[in-house]
Amino acid sequence: MRKMKIIGIAGSPRKGNTEVMVRAALEGAKEAGAKTEIILIRELKLEMCDGCLQCDEMGKCHFDDGMNEINERLAGVDGFIIGTPARWSLLSGNLKVFLDRTNPLAVPERLKGKEAGIIAVGQSPEDEEEQSIKKAVDSVKNYCSNAGIDVIGMVLGFNAINEGDIEKNVKTLEDCKKQGKKLVEHLKGKTCGG
């Protein structure tokens, strides 16, 4: 039986809480039997999408910055853990640039039917009325909906402003691991027709 493949995308400009949470989710996915990989957007030097839409016809981007190779990897996996810090109740700018650059996968719909767990983290307290961290998740959900990716769950990390703050929250990290396991189990069930 083919091993499930899950890619984690850590959409933060720094090594910090988002990455910790994505790695925890990937650990859970690995424990559930999946092969895993992480993409650290902070390590990429990506051009911003210029909206030329040549990729709709060519199936790849005209920028030669490594994103075409990444897109092929994304198209070849079963699911994703997408992590972002909350910025003004939105996903991070870094993640937005990355997601924009997946446009070559839109025609034909090469991400359709894949599944994702979404992670968002920020400094807001859990009882915040406006729920800016939840709104950050919603912006990633919008992308998934447009790409045909099914979202199977989310994990929110609160009270995390400094690097490593989320490591003090054992329950949140455990929830991330459960998210990774849930993603793999859900994909296995789908593959078996269950």
N, C-alpha and C. Protein backbone atom coordinates (compact mmCIF):
# COMPACT_ATOMS: atom_id res chain seq x y z
N MET A 1 0.84 -1.19 0.00
CA MET A 1 0.00 0.00 0.00
C MET A 1 0.88 1.25 0.00
N ARG A 2 0.52 2.22 -0.85
CA ARG A 2 1.28 3.45 -0.97
C ARG A 2 1.19 4.27 0.31
N LYS A 3 2.34 4.84 0.71
CA LYS A 3 2.38 5.66 1.92
C LYS A 3 1.81 7.05 1.63
N MET A 4 0.95 7.53 2.52
CA MET A 4 0.42 8.89 2.39
C MET A 4 1.57 9.89 2.49
N LYS A 5 1.43 11.01 1.78
CA LYS A 5 2.43 12.06 1.86
C LYS A 5 1.75 13.36 2.26
N ILE A 6 2.28 13.98 3.32
CA ILE A 6 1.74 15.24 3.84
C ILE A 6 2.85 16.29 3.82
N ILE A 7 2.53 17.45 3.29
CA ILE A 7 3.47 18.58 3.32
C ILE A 7 2.96 19.61 4.32
N GLY A 8 3.84 20.05 5.19
CA GLY A 8 3.54 21.15 6.10
C GLY A 8 4.09 22.44 5.52
N ILE A 9 3.31 23.49 5.57
CA ILE A 9 3.73 24.79 5.07
C ILE A 9 3.71 25.77 6.23
N ALA A 10 4.89 26.23 6.63
CA ALA A 10 5.00 27.17 7.75
C ALA A 10 5.13 28.58 7.17
N GLY A 11 4.04 29.34 7.26
CA GLY A 11 3.96 30.63 6.59
C GLY A 11 4.38 31.82 7.42
N SER A 12 5.43 31.67 8.20
CA SER A 12 5.90 32.77 9.04
C SER A 12 7.25 33.27 8.54
N PRO A 13 7.50 34.58 8.67
CA PRO A 13 8.80 35.12 8.28
C PRO A 13 9.91 34.84 9.29
N ARG A 14 9.55 34.22 10.41
CA ARG A 14 10.57 33.92 11.42
C ARG A 14 10.44 32.48 11.90
N LYS A 15 11.51 32.01 12.51
CA LYS A 15 11.47 30.69 13.13
C LYS A 15 10.78 30.88 14.47
N GLY A 16 9.59 30.35 14.59
CA GLY A 16 8.86 30.63 15.82
C GLY A 16 7.67 29.73 16.01
N ASN A 17 6.60 30.31 16.52
CA ASN A 17 5.44 29.55 16.97
C ASN A 17 4.72 28.79 15.86
N THR A 18 4.58 29.41 14.69
CA THR A 18 3.92 28.74 13.57
C THR A 18 4.66 27.45 13.21
N GLU A 19 5.96 27.57 13.09
CA GLU A 19 6.77 26.40 12.73
C GLU A 19 6.68 25.30 13.78
N VAL A 20 6.69 25.68 15.06
CA VAL A 20 6.57 24.69 16.14
C VAL A 20 5.26 23.93 16.00
N MET A 21 4.19 24.64 15.73
CA MET A 21 2.87 24.00 15.61
C MET A 21 2.78 23.11 14.37
N VAL A 22 3.31 23.58 13.25
CA VAL A 22 3.29 22.77 12.02
C VAL A 22 4.12 21.50 12.22
N ARG A 23 5.28 21.64 12.85
CA ARG A 23 6.13 20.45 13.10
C ARG A 23 5.42 19.45 14.02
N ALA A 24 4.68 19.95 15.00
CA ALA A 24 3.93 19.05 15.89
C ALA A 24 2.87 18.29 15.11
N ALA A 25 2.18 18.99 14.20
CA ALA A 25 1.16 18.33 13.38
C ALA A 25 1.78 17.28 12.47
N LEU A 26 2.93 17.59 11.91
CA LEU A 26 3.62 16.64 11.04
C LEU A 26 4.09 15.42 11.83
N GLU A 27 4.46 15.65 13.08
CA GLU A 27 4.85 14.53 13.95
C GLU A 27 3.66 13.57 14.12
N GLY A 28 2.48 14.14 14.32
CA GLY A 28 1.28 13.33 14.45
C GLY A 28 0.98 12.58 13.16
N ALA A 29 1.16 13.25 12.02
CA ALA A 29 0.93 12.61 10.72
C ALA A 29 1.90 11.45 10.51
N LYS A 30 3.14 11.67 10.92
CA LYS A 30 4.16 10.63 10.78
C LYS A 30 3.82 9.42 11.66
N GLU A 31 3.39 9.70 12.88
CA GLU A 31 2.98 8.63 13.80
C GLU A 31 1.81 7.82 13.24
N ALA A 32 0.98 8.48 12.43
CA ALA A 32 -0.17 7.81 11.82
C ALA A 32 0.21 7.07 10.53
N GLY A 33 1.50 7.14 10.18
CA GLY A 33 1.98 6.35 9.04
C GLY A 33 2.28 7.12 7.77
N ALA A 34 2.21 8.45 7.82
CA ALA A 34 2.46 9.23 6.61
C ALA A 34 3.93 9.61 6.47
N LYS A 35 4.31 9.85 5.24
CA LYS A 35 5.61 10.44 4.94
C LYS A 35 5.40 11.95 5.00
N THR A 36 6.32 12.69 5.61
CA THR A 36 6.10 14.12 5.78
C THR A 36 7.28 14.95 5.29
N GLU A 37 6.97 16.21 5.03
CA GLU A 37 7.96 17.19 4.59
C GLU A 37 7.49 18.55 5.06
N ILE A 38 8.42 19.45 5.33
CA ILE A 38 8.02 20.81 5.72
C ILE A 38 8.63 21.81 4.75
N ILE A 39 7.83 22.81 4.39
CA ILE A 39 8.30 23.94 3.60
C ILE A 39 8.30 25.15 4.52
N LEU A 40 9.47 25.73 4.70
CA LEU A 40 9.61 26.92 5.54
C LEU A 40 9.66 28.13 4.61
N ILE A 41 8.58 28.87 4.56
CA ILE A 41 8.51 29.99 3.63
C ILE A 41 9.58 31.03 3.94
N ARG A 42 10.00 31.12 5.20
CA ARG A 42 11.05 32.08 5.57
C ARG A 42 12.37 31.80 4.85
N GLU A 43 12.55 30.58 4.37
CA GLU A 43 13.80 30.22 3.68
C GLU A 43 13.72 30.43 2.17
N LEU A 44 12.54 30.78 1.67
CA LEU A 44 12.36 30.96 0.23
C LEU A 44 12.51 32.42 -0.16
N LYS A 45 12.97 32.65 -1.37
CA LYS A 45 13.04 34.01 -1.91
C LYS A 45 12.13 34.05 -3.13
N LEU A 46 10.85 34.21 -2.86
CA LEU A 46 9.85 34.13 -3.93
C LEU A 46 9.49 35.50 -4.48
N GLU A 47 9.35 35.55 -5.79
CA GLU A 47 8.81 36.74 -6.44
C GLU A 47 7.31 36.80 -6.14
N MET A 48 6.77 38.00 -6.13
CA MET A 48 5.32 38.14 -6.00
C MET A 48 4.67 37.86 -7.35
N CYS A 49 3.53 37.21 -7.32
CA CYS A 49 2.78 36.94 -8.55
C CYS A 49 2.49 38.27 -9.26
N ASP A 50 2.78 38.32 -10.56
CA ASP A 50 2.51 39.57 -11.30
C ASP A 50 1.20 39.51 -12.08
N GLY A 51 0.42 38.42 -11.87
CA GLY A 51 -0.91 38.34 -12.46
C GLY A 51 -0.94 38.19 -13.96
N CYS A 52 0.15 37.73 -14.56
CA CYS A 52 0.21 37.62 -16.03
C CYS A 52 -0.70 36.52 -16.57
N LEU A 53 -0.98 35.51 -15.75
CA LEU A 53 -1.84 34.37 -16.09
C LEU A 53 -1.30 33.50 -17.23
N GLN A 54 -0.02 33.65 -17.56
CA GLN A 54 0.60 32.75 -18.54
C GLN A 54 0.58 31.32 -18.03
N CYS A 55 0.58 31.17 -16.70
CA CYS A 55 0.60 29.83 -16.10
C CYS A 55 -0.66 29.05 -16.42
N ASP A 56 -1.77 29.74 -16.70
CA ASP A 56 -3.01 29.05 -17.06
C ASP A 56 -2.82 28.23 -18.35
N GLU A 57 -1.97 28.74 -19.24
CA GLU A 57 -1.72 28.04 -20.50
C GLU A 57 -0.47 27.15 -20.41
N MET A 58 0.57 27.65 -19.74
CA MET A 58 1.85 26.92 -19.71
C MET A 58 1.94 25.88 -18.60
N GLY A 59 1.12 26.03 -17.55
CA GLY A 59 1.17 25.10 -16.43
C GLY A 59 2.33 25.34 -15.49
N LYS A 60 3.06 26.41 -15.72
CA LYS A 60 4.15 26.78 -14.81
C LYS A 60 4.33 28.29 -14.85
N CYS A 61 5.05 28.78 -13.85
CA CYS A 61 5.29 30.22 -13.72
C CYS A 61 6.52 30.63 -14.51
N HIS A 62 6.51 31.85 -15.04
CA HIS A 62 7.66 32.34 -15.79
C HIS A 62 8.82 32.76 -14.87
N PHE A 63 8.54 32.94 -13.56
CA PHE A 63 9.63 33.26 -12.63
C PHE A 63 10.44 31.99 -12.34
N ASP A 64 11.74 32.11 -12.35
CA ASP A 64 12.63 30.98 -12.09
C ASP A 64 13.22 31.11 -10.69
N ASP A 65 12.35 30.90 -9.67
CA ASP A 65 12.81 31.08 -8.29
C ASP A 65 12.56 29.83 -7.43
N GLY A 66 12.30 28.72 -8.09
CA GLY A 66 12.11 27.46 -7.37
C GLY A 66 10.66 27.09 -7.11
N MET A 67 9.72 27.99 -7.36
CA MET A 67 8.33 27.71 -7.04
C MET A 67 7.72 26.67 -7.97
N ASN A 68 8.19 26.59 -9.21
CA ASN A 68 7.66 25.56 -10.12
C ASN A 68 7.94 24.17 -9.58
N GLU A 69 9.13 23.97 -9.04
CA GLU A 69 9.49 22.67 -8.47
C GLU A 69 8.65 22.40 -7.22
N ILE A 70 8.44 23.42 -6.40
CA ILE A 70 7.60 23.28 -5.20
C ILE A 70 6.17 22.92 -5.61
N ASN A 71 5.65 23.57 -6.64
CA ASN A 71 4.29 23.29 -7.10
C ASN A 71 4.14 21.83 -7.52
N GLU A 72 5.15 21.28 -8.15
CA GLU A 72 5.09 19.86 -8.54
C GLU A 72 5.03 18.96 -7.30
N ARG A 73 5.78 19.34 -6.27
CA ARG A 73 5.72 18.58 -5.01
C ARG A 73 4.34 18.69 -4.38
N LEU A 74 3.76 19.89 -4.39
CA LEU A 74 2.42 20.10 -3.82
C LEU A 74 1.38 19.27 -4.57
N ALA A 75 1.49 19.22 -5.88
CA ALA A 75 0.53 18.49 -6.69
C ALA A 75 0.62 16.98 -6.45
N GLY A 76 1.78 16.51 -5.98
CA GLY A 76 2.00 15.09 -5.82
C GLY A 76 1.70 14.51 -4.44
N VAL A 77 1.21 15.35 -3.52
CA VAL A 77 0.96 14.85 -2.16
C VAL A 77 -0.54 14.65 -1.92
N ASP A 78 -0.83 14.03 -0.79
CA ASP A 78 -2.23 13.76 -0.43
C ASP A 78 -2.87 14.89 0.36
N GLY A 79 -2.06 15.55 1.19
CA GLY A 79 -2.64 16.57 2.05
C GLY A 79 -1.62 17.55 2.57
N PHE A 80 -2.13 18.55 3.27
CA PHE A 80 -1.31 19.65 3.77
C PHE A 80 -1.66 20.00 5.21
N ILE A 81 -0.65 20.49 5.91
CA ILE A 81 -0.85 21.25 7.14
C ILE A 81 -0.39 22.66 6.79
N ILE A 82 -1.31 23.60 6.80
CA ILE A 82 -0.98 24.98 6.42
C ILE A 82 -1.00 25.84 7.67
N GLY A 83 0.15 26.43 8.00
CA GLY A 83 0.26 27.23 9.22
C GLY A 83 0.57 28.69 8.93
N THR A 84 -0.08 29.57 9.67
CA THR A 84 0.16 31.01 9.50
C THR A 84 0.10 31.74 10.84
N PRO A 85 0.92 32.76 11.01
CA PRO A 85 0.67 33.68 12.12
C PRO A 85 -0.49 34.58 11.73
N ALA A 86 -1.26 35.02 12.70
CA ALA A 86 -2.36 35.94 12.43
C ALA A 86 -1.82 37.36 12.29
N ARG A 87 -2.16 38.01 11.20
CA ARG A 87 -1.74 39.38 10.93
C ARG A 87 -2.97 40.20 10.58
N TRP A 88 -3.38 41.09 11.48
CA TRP A 88 -4.55 41.94 11.23
C TRP A 88 -5.77 41.10 10.84
N SER A 89 -5.94 39.98 11.52
CA SER A 89 -7.06 39.06 11.27
C SER A 89 -6.97 38.39 9.90
N LEU A 90 -5.78 38.35 9.33
CA LEU A 90 -5.55 37.72 8.04
C LEU A 90 -4.38 36.76 8.12
N LEU A 91 -4.18 35.97 7.06
CA LEU A 91 -2.98 35.17 6.96
C LEU A 91 -1.78 36.09 6.77
N SER A 92 -0.57 35.56 6.97
CA SER A 92 0.63 36.38 6.82
C SER A 92 0.85 36.73 5.35
N GLY A 93 1.53 37.85 5.12
CA GLY A 93 1.87 38.26 3.76
C GLY A 93 2.74 37.22 3.07
N ASN A 94 3.65 36.60 3.83
CA ASN A 94 4.54 35.58 3.28
C ASN A 94 3.74 34.41 2.72
N LEU A 95 2.76 33.95 3.51
CA LEU A 95 1.93 32.83 3.07
C LEU A 95 1.08 33.23 1.88
N LYS A 96 0.57 34.46 1.88
CA LYS A 96 -0.25 34.93 0.75
C LYS A 96 0.54 34.91 -0.54
N VAL A 97 1.79 35.38 -0.52
CA VAL A 97 2.64 35.34 -1.71
C VAL A 97 2.82 33.90 -2.18
N PHE A 98 3.09 32.99 -1.24
CA PHE A 98 3.28 31.58 -1.56
C PHE A 98 2.02 31.00 -2.21
N LEU A 99 0.87 31.24 -1.60
CA LEU A 99 -0.38 30.69 -2.12
C LEU A 99 -0.72 31.29 -3.49
N ASP A 100 -0.46 32.57 -3.68
CA ASP A 100 -0.66 33.18 -4.99
C ASP A 100 0.16 32.46 -6.06
N ARG A 101 1.36 32.05 -5.67
CA ARG A 101 2.27 31.42 -6.64
C ARG A 101 1.90 29.97 -6.94
N THR A 102 0.87 29.44 -6.28
CA THR A 102 0.38 28.10 -6.64
C THR A 102 -0.63 28.18 -7.80
N ASN A 103 -0.81 29.36 -8.35
CA ASN A 103 -1.79 29.52 -9.44
C ASN A 103 -1.56 28.58 -10.63
N PRO A 104 -0.31 28.18 -10.95
CA PRO A 104 -0.14 27.22 -12.04
C PRO A 104 -0.86 25.89 -11.80
N LEU A 105 -1.25 25.62 -10.55
CA LEU A 105 -1.95 24.38 -10.23
C LEU A 105 -3.47 24.52 -10.38
N ALA A 106 -3.92 25.73 -10.71
CA ALA A 106 -5.36 26.00 -10.79
C ALA A 106 -6.00 25.48 -12.08
N VAL A 107 -5.23 25.46 -13.17
CA VAL A 107 -5.76 25.02 -14.47
C VAL A 107 -4.82 23.97 -15.03
N PRO A 108 -5.18 22.68 -15.09
CA PRO A 108 -6.40 22.13 -14.50
C PRO A 108 -6.29 22.10 -12.97
N GLU A 109 -7.34 21.76 -12.30
CA GLU A 109 -7.40 21.83 -10.83
C GLU A 109 -6.58 20.71 -10.20
N ARG A 110 -5.27 20.93 -10.07
CA ARG A 110 -4.37 19.87 -9.61
C ARG A 110 -4.37 19.69 -8.08
N LEU A 111 -5.00 20.61 -7.35
CA LEU A 111 -5.09 20.47 -5.89
C LEU A 111 -6.46 19.95 -5.45
N LYS A 112 -7.38 19.87 -6.38
CA LYS A 112 -8.74 19.46 -6.07
C LYS A 112 -8.76 18.05 -5.47
N GLY A 113 -9.52 17.91 -4.36
CA GLY A 113 -9.66 16.62 -3.71
C GLY A 113 -8.61 16.34 -2.64
N LYS A 114 -7.58 17.19 -2.56
CA LYS A 114 -6.61 17.04 -1.48
C LYS A 114 -7.24 17.56 -0.20
N GLU A 115 -6.60 17.27 0.94
CA GLU A 115 -7.18 17.68 2.22
C GLU A 115 -6.14 18.45 3.03
N ALA A 116 -6.63 19.28 3.94
CA ALA A 116 -5.72 20.11 4.73
C ALA A 116 -6.24 20.31 6.14
N GLY A 117 -5.29 20.46 7.04
CA GLY A 117 -5.54 20.97 8.38
C GLY A 117 -4.90 22.35 8.43
N ILE A 118 -5.57 23.29 9.08
CA ILE A 118 -5.07 24.66 9.13
C ILE A 118 -4.69 25.01 10.57
N ILE A 119 -3.56 25.70 10.69
CA ILE A 119 -3.05 26.13 11.99
C ILE A 119 -2.83 27.64 11.93
N ALA A 120 -3.27 28.34 12.96
CA ALA A 120 -3.01 29.78 13.05
C ALA A 120 -2.65 30.11 14.49
N VAL A 121 -1.74 31.06 14.63
CA VAL A 121 -1.25 31.41 15.96
C VAL A 121 -1.07 32.92 16.05
N GLY A 122 -1.31 33.46 17.26
CA GLY A 122 -1.14 34.89 17.45
C GLY A 122 -1.09 35.25 18.91
N GLN A 123 -1.00 36.54 19.15
CA GLN A 123 -0.84 37.03 20.53
C GLN A 123 -2.15 37.21 21.27
N SER A 124 -3.26 37.13 20.55
CA SER A 124 -4.56 37.37 21.17
C SER A 124 -4.88 36.31 22.22
N PRO A 125 -5.61 36.72 23.27
CA PRO A 125 -6.07 35.74 24.26
C PRO A 125 -7.25 34.94 23.71
N GLU A 126 -7.48 33.78 24.29
CA GLU A 126 -8.51 32.88 23.80
C GLU A 126 -9.91 33.48 23.88
N ASP A 127 -10.14 34.36 24.83
CA ASP A 127 -11.49 34.91 25.00
C ASP A 127 -11.70 36.21 24.22
N GLU A 128 -10.79 36.52 23.29
CA GLU A 128 -10.92 37.74 22.51
C GLU A 128 -12.21 37.74 21.71
N GLU A 129 -12.94 38.83 21.80
CA GLU A 129 -14.27 38.88 21.19
C GLU A 129 -14.22 38.76 19.66
N GLU A 130 -13.29 39.42 19.02
CA GLU A 130 -13.23 39.45 17.56
C GLU A 130 -12.59 38.20 16.95
N GLN A 131 -11.85 37.46 17.75
CA GLN A 131 -11.22 36.23 17.26
C GLN A 131 -10.39 36.44 16.00
N SER A 132 -9.36 37.30 16.09
CA SER A 132 -8.52 37.59 14.93
C SER A 132 -7.79 36.35 14.43
N ILE A 133 -7.45 35.44 15.35
CA ILE A 133 -6.74 34.22 14.93
C ILE A 133 -7.68 33.33 14.12
N LYS A 134 -8.93 33.23 14.53
CA LYS A 134 -9.92 32.46 13.77
C LYS A 134 -10.14 33.08 12.40
N LYS A 135 -10.11 34.39 12.32
CA LYS A 135 -10.27 35.07 11.03
C LYS A 135 -9.08 34.79 10.12
N ALA A 136 -7.90 34.63 10.69
CA ALA A 136 -6.72 34.26 9.89
C ALA A 136 -6.93 32.88 9.28
N VAL A 137 -7.50 31.96 10.07
CA VAL A 137 -7.83 30.63 9.55
C VAL A 137 -8.83 30.75 8.41
N ASP A 138 -9.81 31.61 8.59
CA ASP A 138 -10.84 31.78 7.55
C ASP A 138 -10.24 32.23 6.23
N SER A 139 -9.19 33.07 6.27
CA SER A 139 -8.59 33.52 5.02
C SER A 139 -7.86 32.37 4.32
N VAL A 140 -7.28 31.45 5.10
CA VAL A 140 -6.65 30.26 4.49
C VAL A 140 -7.74 29.31 3.97
N LYS A 141 -8.84 29.22 4.71
CA LYS A 141 -9.96 28.38 4.26
C LYS A 141 -10.50 28.87 2.90
N ASN A 142 -10.53 30.18 2.71
CA ASN A 142 -11.00 30.73 1.43
C ASN A 142 -10.12 30.23 0.29
N TYR A 143 -8.81 30.23 0.51
CA TYR A 143 -7.89 29.71 -0.51
C TYR A 143 -8.20 28.24 -0.79
N CYS A 144 -8.31 27.46 0.28
CA CYS A 144 -8.57 26.02 0.13
C CYS A 144 -9.86 25.78 -0.64
N SER A 145 -10.89 26.52 -0.32
CA SER A 145 -12.18 26.38 -0.99
C SER A 145 -12.04 26.63 -2.49
N ASN A 146 -11.32 27.68 -2.84
CA ASN A 146 -11.12 28.02 -4.25
C ASN A 146 -10.27 26.99 -4.98
N ALA A 147 -9.32 26.38 -4.26
CA ALA A 147 -8.42 25.38 -4.87
C ALA A 147 -9.03 23.98 -4.88
N GLY A 148 -10.18 23.81 -4.22
CA GLY A 148 -10.81 22.49 -4.16
C GLY A 148 -10.21 21.59 -3.10
N ILE A 149 -9.53 22.19 -2.13
CA ILE A 149 -8.93 21.45 -1.02
C ILE A 149 -9.95 21.37 0.11
N ASP A 150 -10.20 20.16 0.62
CA ASP A 150 -11.14 19.98 1.73
C ASP A 150 -10.42 20.23 3.05
N VAL A 151 -10.97 21.12 3.87
CA VAL A 151 -10.39 21.41 5.19
C VAL A 151 -11.03 20.48 6.21
N ILE A 152 -10.19 19.69 6.89
CA ILE A 152 -10.72 18.70 7.84
C ILE A 152 -10.65 19.18 9.29
N GLY A 153 -10.05 20.35 9.52
CA GLY A 153 -9.99 20.87 10.88
C GLY A 153 -9.01 22.00 11.01
N MET A 154 -8.97 22.57 12.22
CA MET A 154 -8.05 23.68 12.48
C MET A 154 -7.62 23.65 13.93
N VAL A 155 -6.46 24.26 14.17
CA VAL A 155 -5.96 24.44 15.54
C VAL A 155 -5.56 25.89 15.68
N LEU A 156 -6.00 26.53 16.76
CA LEU A 156 -5.66 27.92 17.04
C LEU A 156 -4.70 27.99 18.21
N GLY A 157 -3.67 28.79 18.07
CA GLY A 157 -2.71 29.01 19.15
C GLY A 157 -2.82 30.43 19.68
N PHE A 158 -3.10 30.56 20.97
CA PHE A 158 -3.33 31.88 21.57
C PHE A 158 -2.16 32.30 22.47
N ASN A 159 -2.14 33.58 22.81
CA ASN A 159 -1.16 34.14 23.77
C ASN A 159 0.29 33.88 23.38
N ALA A 160 0.57 33.93 22.08
CA ALA A 160 1.94 33.64 21.62
C ALA A 160 2.45 34.82 20.81
N ILE A 161 3.30 35.62 21.43
CA ILE A 161 3.88 36.77 20.72
C ILE A 161 5.38 36.58 20.51
N ASN A 162 6.05 36.04 21.51
CA ASN A 162 7.49 35.85 21.41
C ASN A 162 7.82 34.46 20.88
N GLU A 163 8.97 34.35 20.24
CA GLU A 163 9.41 33.06 19.71
C GLU A 163 9.42 32.01 20.83
N GLY A 164 8.75 30.90 20.59
CA GLY A 164 8.73 29.81 21.56
C GLY A 164 7.61 29.86 22.57
N ASP A 165 6.81 30.93 22.57
CA ASP A 165 5.71 31.04 23.55
C ASP A 165 4.76 29.84 23.47
N ILE A 166 4.50 29.37 22.26
CA ILE A 166 3.52 28.29 22.09
C ILE A 166 4.01 26.98 22.71
N GLU A 167 5.32 26.85 22.89
CA GLU A 167 5.87 25.62 23.48
C GLU A 167 5.42 25.44 24.93
N LYS A 168 4.97 26.53 25.56
CA LYS A 168 4.46 26.45 26.94
C LYS A 168 3.04 25.89 26.97
N ASN A 169 2.39 25.85 25.82
CA ASN A 169 1.00 25.40 25.76
C ASN A 169 0.94 23.95 25.29
N VAL A 170 1.04 23.03 26.22
CA VAL A 170 1.09 21.60 25.92
C VAL A 170 -0.17 21.14 25.21
N LYS A 171 -1.33 21.64 25.64
CA LYS A 171 -2.59 21.23 25.04
C LYS A 171 -2.65 21.61 23.56
N THR A 172 -2.22 22.83 23.23
CA THR A 172 -2.24 23.27 21.83
C THR A 172 -1.34 22.39 20.97
N LEU A 173 -0.16 22.07 21.46
CA LEU A 173 0.75 21.22 20.69
C LEU A 173 0.19 19.80 20.54
N GLU A 174 -0.49 19.33 21.57
CA GLU A 174 -1.13 18.02 21.48
C GLU A 174 -2.27 18.06 20.46
N ASP A 175 -3.00 19.18 20.43
CA ASP A 175 -4.06 19.34 19.43
C ASP A 175 -3.48 19.35 18.02
N CYS A 176 -2.29 19.93 17.85
CA CYS A 176 -1.63 19.93 16.55
C CYS A 176 -1.29 18.50 16.12
N LYS A 177 -0.75 17.72 17.06
CA LYS A 177 -0.43 16.33 16.76
C LYS A 177 -1.70 15.55 16.36
N LYS A 178 -2.76 15.79 17.11
CA LYS A 178 -4.04 15.13 16.79
C LYS A 178 -4.53 15.54 15.40
N GLN A 179 -4.32 16.80 15.06
CA GLN A 179 -4.72 17.30 13.73
C GLN A 179 -3.99 16.54 12.63
N GLY A 180 -2.68 16.35 12.81
CA GLY A 180 -1.89 15.60 11.84
C GLY A 180 -2.37 14.16 11.71
N LYS A 181 -2.64 13.53 12.85
CA LYS A 181 -3.15 12.15 12.83
C LYS A 181 -4.53 12.09 12.16
N LYS A 182 -5.38 13.02 12.51
CA LYS A 182 -6.74 13.06 11.95
C LYS A 182 -6.69 13.20 10.43
N LEU A 183 -5.79 14.04 9.94
CA LEU A 183 -5.66 14.24 8.50
C LEU A 183 -5.30 12.93 7.80
N VAL A 184 -4.33 12.22 8.35
CA VAL A 184 -3.91 10.96 7.74
C VAL A 184 -5.01 9.91 7.82
N GLU A 185 -5.64 9.80 8.99
CA GLU A 185 -6.72 8.82 9.14
C GLU A 185 -7.88 9.12 8.20
N HIS A 186 -8.18 10.39 8.03
CA HIS A 186 -9.25 10.80 7.13
C HIS A 186 -8.91 10.43 5.69
N LEU A 187 -7.66 10.67 5.30
CA LEU A 187 -7.21 10.32 3.96
C LEU A 187 -7.22 8.81 3.73
N LYS A 188 -6.82 8.07 4.74
CA LYS A 188 -6.85 6.61 4.64
C LYS A 188 -8.28 6.13 4.44
N GLY A 189 -9.21 6.69 5.19
CA GLY A 189 -10.61 6.32 5.07
C GLY A 189 -11.16 6.62 3.68
N LYS A 190 -10.73 7.75 3.13
CA LYS A 190 -11.16 8.16 1.80
C LYS A 190 -10.61 7.19 0.74
N THR A 191 -9.35 6.81 0.91
CA THR A 191 -8.70 5.89 -0.03
C THR A 191 -9.35 4.51 -0.01
N CYS A 192 -9.75 4.09 1.20
CA CYS A 192 -10.38 2.77 1.34
C CYS A 192 -11.87 2.82 1.00
N GLY A 193 -12.37 4.01 0.68
CA GLY A 193 -13.78 4.15 0.36
C GLY A 193 -14.66 4.19 1.58
N GLY A 194 -14.01 4.45 2.77
CA GLY A 194 -14.79 4.46 4.01
C GLY A 194 -15.24 5.79 4.44
